[in-house]
Protein backbone atom coordinates (compact mmCIF):
# COMPACT_ATOMS: atom_id res chain seq x y z
CA UNK A 1 0.21 -0.07 -0.12
CA UNK A 2 1.18 3.23 -0.89
CA UNK A 3 2.21 5.79 1.81
CA UNK A 4 -0.17 8.56 0.44
CA UNK A 5 -2.97 6.22 0.73
CA UNK A 6 -2.13 5.45 4.12
CA UNK A 7 -1.86 8.80 4.98
CA UNK A 8 -4.91 10.31 3.39
CA UNK A 9 -7.88 9.35 5.98
CA UNK A 10 -5.82 11.30 8.82
CA UNK A 11 -7.51 14.41 9.86
CA UNK A 12 -5.56 17.09 11.70
CA UNK A 13 -6.26 20.25 12.90
CA UNK A 14 -5.74 23.50 10.78
CA UNK A 15 -3.42 25.80 12.53
CA UNK A 16 -5.38 28.93 11.47
CA UNK A 17 -8.97 28.04 11.10
CA UNK A 18 -9.35 25.35 13.95
CA UNK A 19 -10.61 22.93 11.26
CA UNK A 20 -10.40 19.31 10.77
CA UNK A 21 -8.77 18.78 7.50
CA UNK A 22 -8.28 15.22 5.92
CA UNK A 23 -4.68 14.92 4.75
CA UNK A 24 -5.86 13.14 1.53
CA UNK A 25 -7.76 16.65 0.32
CA UNK A 26 -4.54 18.60 0.30
CA UNK A 27 -2.65 16.29 -1.93
CA UNK A 28 -5.29 15.33 -4.40
CA UNK A 29 -4.81 18.67 -5.91
CA UNK A 30 -0.83 19.22 -5.99
CA UNK A 31 2.24 17.85 -4.16
CA UNK A 32 2.52 18.00 -0.63
CA UNK A 33 5.43 18.20 1.86
CA UNK A 34 4.44 17.23 4.87
CA UNK A 35 6.78 18.02 7.77
CA UNK A 36 6.52 16.41 11.62
CA UNK A 37 8.21 18.66 14.12
CA UNK A 38 8.66 17.48 17.62
CA UNK A 39 9.07 20.29 20.42
CA UNK A 40 10.95 19.57 23.54
CA UNK A 41 10.78 21.76 26.53
């Protein structure tokens, strides 16, 4: 299974609007760079 297929149904909160966004809707229209940051402290 492709990584994009596995990530598509995951929902995250939009940082600006607070709305829930499915990852699949972001990369269905154009290529997307997904960056995970972890803050320690």
